[in-house]
Amino acid sequence: MSDAIELEKLGHPSVVVATTQFEAIAKAMSSHFGLPNARTLVLPHPFGGTDPAMLMNWADAAVDDAIALLTGRR
């Protein structure tokens, strides 16, 4: 989170990817580091141990959201 916030401060759009398990932590960290509305893409938990085909489905489903976050359309 802190790296994404530093990139944002330099004018580089950034998106943090977090799973549902870590969403609250990501929000708390973004507030702590001075960017409470940091662009965060939340995906299902867990990544580890999840079938690769399911991970690809999650990634495919998240593409439009990631683009929207980066372009300010969300």
N, C-alpha and C. Protein backbone atom coordinates (compact mmCIF):
# COMPACT_ATOMS: atom_id res chain seq x y z
N MET A 1 0.82 -1.18 0.00
CA MET A 1 0.00 0.00 0.00
C MET A 1 0.87 1.25 0.00
N SER A 2 1.90 1.26 0.82
CA SER A 2 2.73 2.47 0.90
C SER A 2 3.41 2.77 -0.44
N ASP A 3 3.83 1.74 -1.17
CA ASP A 3 4.44 1.98 -2.48
C ASP A 3 3.45 2.62 -3.44
N ALA A 4 2.22 2.12 -3.46
CA ALA A 4 1.20 2.67 -4.35
C ALA A 4 0.92 4.12 -4.00
N ILE A 5 0.88 4.43 -2.73
CA ILE A 5 0.61 5.80 -2.30
C ILE A 5 1.75 6.72 -2.72
N GLU A 6 2.98 6.27 -2.57
CA GLU A 6 4.12 7.09 -3.00
C GLU A 6 4.08 7.31 -4.51
N LEU A 7 3.72 6.28 -5.27
CA LEU A 7 3.60 6.44 -6.72
C LEU A 7 2.50 7.44 -7.06
N GLU A 8 1.38 7.35 -6.37
CA GLU A 8 0.28 8.30 -6.59
C GLU A 8 0.74 9.73 -6.30
N LYS A 9 1.48 9.93 -5.23
CA LYS A 9 1.97 11.26 -4.88
C LYS A 9 2.89 11.83 -5.96
N LEU A 10 3.54 10.93 -6.70
CA LEU A 10 4.42 11.35 -7.79
C LEU A 10 3.66 11.51 -9.11
N GLY A 11 2.35 11.28 -9.06
CA GLY A 11 1.54 11.45 -10.26
C GLY A 11 1.38 10.20 -11.10
N HIS A 12 1.75 9.05 -10.57
CA HIS A 12 1.63 7.79 -11.30
C HIS A 12 0.43 7.01 -10.77
N PRO A 13 -0.63 6.90 -11.57
CA PRO A 13 -1.80 6.14 -11.11
C PRO A 13 -1.42 4.72 -10.71
N SER A 14 -1.92 4.29 -9.58
CA SER A 14 -1.58 2.97 -9.05
C SER A 14 -2.82 2.31 -8.46
N VAL A 15 -2.85 1.00 -8.57
CA VAL A 15 -3.94 0.23 -7.98
C VAL A 15 -3.33 -0.85 -7.10
N VAL A 16 -3.83 -0.93 -5.89
CA VAL A 16 -3.42 -2.00 -4.98
C VAL A 16 -4.43 -3.13 -5.13
N VAL A 17 -3.94 -4.34 -5.24
CA VAL A 17 -4.81 -5.51 -5.30
C VAL A 17 -4.75 -6.18 -3.93
N ALA A 18 -5.92 -6.34 -3.33
CA ALA A 18 -6.02 -7.00 -2.03
C ALA A 18 -7.13 -8.03 -2.11
N THR A 19 -7.05 -9.03 -1.26
CA THR A 19 -8.15 -9.97 -1.18
C THR A 19 -9.13 -9.50 -0.10
N THR A 20 -10.30 -10.09 -0.10
CA THR A 20 -11.33 -9.71 0.86
C THR A 20 -10.83 -9.79 2.29
N GLN A 21 -9.95 -10.73 2.57
CA GLN A 21 -9.40 -10.91 3.92
C GLN A 21 -8.60 -9.70 4.37
N PHE A 22 -8.01 -8.98 3.41
CA PHE A 22 -7.11 -7.87 3.73
C PHE A 22 -7.66 -6.50 3.34
N GLU A 23 -8.92 -6.44 2.93
CA GLU A 23 -9.52 -5.19 2.51
C GLU A 23 -9.49 -4.13 3.62
N ALA A 24 -9.89 -4.51 4.81
CA ALA A 24 -9.91 -3.55 5.93
C ALA A 24 -8.51 -3.06 6.26
N ILE A 25 -7.55 -3.93 6.19
CA ILE A 25 -6.15 -3.54 6.46
C ILE A 25 -5.67 -2.56 5.39
N ALA A 26 -6.01 -2.83 4.13
CA ALA A 26 -5.61 -1.94 3.04
C ALA A 26 -6.22 -0.55 3.23
N LYS A 27 -7.49 -0.50 3.63
CA LYS A 27 -8.14 0.80 3.86
C LYS A 27 -7.49 1.54 5.03
N ALA A 28 -7.20 0.81 6.09
CA ALA A 28 -6.57 1.44 7.26
C ALA A 28 -5.18 1.97 6.89
N MET A 29 -4.42 1.19 6.14
CA MET A 29 -3.08 1.63 5.74
C MET A 29 -3.15 2.84 4.82
N SER A 30 -4.11 2.83 3.89
CA SER A 30 -4.18 3.97 2.97
C SER A 30 -4.51 5.25 3.73
N SER A 31 -5.38 5.15 4.72
CA SER A 31 -5.66 6.33 5.55
C SER A 31 -4.44 6.75 6.34
N HIS A 32 -3.75 5.79 6.92
CA HIS A 32 -2.56 6.07 7.72
C HIS A 32 -1.47 6.76 6.90
N PHE A 33 -1.32 6.34 5.64
CA PHE A 33 -0.27 6.90 4.80
C PHE A 33 -0.73 8.13 4.01
N GLY A 34 -1.92 8.64 4.32
CA GLY A 34 -2.33 9.92 3.76
C GLY A 34 -3.13 9.90 2.48
N LEU A 35 -3.61 8.74 2.06
CA LEU A 35 -4.42 8.68 0.85
C LEU A 35 -5.61 7.75 1.11
N PRO A 36 -6.60 8.26 1.86
CA PRO A 36 -7.71 7.41 2.28
C PRO A 36 -8.53 6.83 1.13
N ASN A 37 -8.48 7.47 -0.03
CA ASN A 37 -9.23 6.96 -1.18
C ASN A 37 -8.33 6.27 -2.20
N ALA A 38 -7.30 5.61 -1.71
CA ALA A 38 -6.39 4.90 -2.60
C ALA A 38 -7.17 3.91 -3.46
N ARG A 39 -6.75 3.79 -4.69
CA ARG A 39 -7.40 2.88 -5.62
C ARG A 39 -7.09 1.45 -5.20
N THR A 40 -8.11 0.73 -4.82
CA THR A 40 -7.92 -0.64 -4.32
C THR A 40 -8.88 -1.57 -5.04
N LEU A 41 -8.34 -2.62 -5.60
CA LEU A 41 -9.12 -3.64 -6.27
C LEU A 41 -9.17 -4.84 -5.33
N VAL A 42 -10.37 -5.21 -4.93
CA VAL A 42 -10.53 -6.30 -3.97
C VAL A 42 -10.99 -7.56 -4.70
N LEU A 43 -10.22 -8.61 -4.52
CA LEU A 43 -10.53 -9.90 -5.14
C LEU A 43 -10.84 -10.93 -4.05
N PRO A 44 -11.44 -12.05 -4.44
CA PRO A 44 -11.76 -13.08 -3.45
C PRO A 44 -10.52 -13.62 -2.76
N HIS A 45 -10.73 -14.15 -1.60
CA HIS A 45 -9.67 -14.76 -0.80
C HIS A 45 -9.91 -16.25 -0.74
N PRO A 46 -8.90 -17.07 -0.76
CA PRO A 46 -7.47 -16.80 -0.83
C PRO A 46 -6.94 -16.99 -2.25
N PHE A 47 -5.76 -16.45 -2.50
CA PHE A 47 -5.07 -16.76 -3.75
C PHE A 47 -4.39 -18.11 -3.62
N GLY A 48 -3.67 -18.27 -2.50
CA GLY A 48 -2.92 -19.51 -2.27
C GLY A 48 -3.86 -20.70 -2.16
N GLY A 49 -3.55 -21.75 -2.89
CA GLY A 49 -4.34 -22.97 -2.83
C GLY A 49 -5.57 -22.94 -3.74
N THR A 50 -5.81 -21.82 -4.40
CA THR A 50 -6.96 -21.73 -5.30
C THR A 50 -6.55 -22.26 -6.67
N ASP A 51 -7.44 -23.00 -7.28
CA ASP A 51 -7.20 -23.59 -8.60
C ASP A 51 -6.80 -22.50 -9.60
N PRO A 52 -5.76 -22.74 -10.38
CA PRO A 52 -5.32 -21.72 -11.35
C PRO A 52 -6.42 -21.26 -12.31
N ALA A 53 -7.29 -22.16 -12.70
CA ALA A 53 -8.39 -21.76 -13.59
C ALA A 53 -9.32 -20.76 -12.89
N MET A 54 -9.56 -20.95 -11.62
CA MET A 54 -10.39 -20.02 -10.86
C MET A 54 -9.70 -18.67 -10.73
N LEU A 55 -8.38 -18.70 -10.48
CA LEU A 55 -7.62 -17.45 -10.40
C LEU A 55 -7.72 -16.68 -11.71
N MET A 56 -7.66 -17.39 -12.83
CA MET A 56 -7.79 -16.73 -14.14
C MET A 56 -9.18 -16.13 -14.30
N ASN A 57 -10.20 -16.83 -13.82
CA ASN A 57 -11.56 -16.28 -13.88
C ASN A 57 -11.66 -15.00 -13.07
N TRP A 58 -11.09 -15.01 -11.86
CA TRP A 58 -11.10 -13.81 -11.03
C TRP A 58 -10.38 -12.66 -11.72
N ALA A 59 -9.22 -12.97 -12.30
CA ALA A 59 -8.43 -11.93 -12.98
C ALA A 59 -9.20 -11.37 -14.18
N ASP A 60 -9.76 -12.26 -14.98
CA ASP A 60 -10.53 -11.81 -16.15
C ASP A 60 -11.70 -10.93 -15.73
N ALA A 61 -12.37 -11.30 -14.66
CA ALA A 61 -13.53 -10.53 -14.18
C ALA A 61 -13.12 -9.18 -13.62
N ALA A 62 -11.87 -9.04 -13.21
CA ALA A 62 -11.40 -7.80 -12.56
C ALA A 62 -10.80 -6.79 -13.54
N VAL A 63 -10.58 -7.18 -14.77
CA VAL A 63 -9.89 -6.30 -15.72
C VAL A 63 -10.61 -4.96 -15.89
N ASP A 64 -11.90 -5.00 -16.13
CA ASP A 64 -12.64 -3.76 -16.33
C ASP A 64 -12.60 -2.86 -15.10
N ASP A 65 -12.68 -3.46 -13.92
CA ASP A 65 -12.58 -2.67 -12.69
C ASP A 65 -11.20 -2.04 -12.55
N ALA A 66 -10.17 -2.78 -12.88
CA ALA A 66 -8.80 -2.25 -12.78
C ALA A 66 -8.62 -1.08 -13.74
N ILE A 67 -9.12 -1.23 -14.95
CA ILE A 67 -9.02 -0.13 -15.93
C ILE A 67 -9.80 1.09 -15.44
N ALA A 68 -10.99 0.85 -14.91
CA ALA A 68 -11.81 1.95 -14.41
C ALA A 68 -11.10 2.68 -13.26
N LEU A 69 -10.48 1.93 -12.39
CA LEU A 69 -9.74 2.55 -11.28
C LEU A 69 -8.58 3.40 -11.80
N LEU A 70 -7.87 2.88 -12.76
CA LEU A 70 -6.70 3.61 -13.29
C LEU A 70 -7.08 4.83 -14.10
N THR A 71 -8.25 4.81 -14.72
CA THR A 71 -8.64 5.92 -15.59
C THR A 71 -9.61 6.88 -14.92
N GLY A 72 -9.94 6.62 -13.66
CA GLY A 72 -10.82 7.52 -12.93
C GLY A 72 -12.29 7.35 -13.26
N ARG A 73 -12.65 6.26 -13.88
CA ARG A 73 -14.04 6.02 -14.24
C ARG A 73 -14.82 5.31 -13.14
N ARG A 74 -14.17 5.13 -12.00
CA ARG A 74 -14.84 4.44 -10.90
C ARG A 74 -14.59 5.17 -9.62
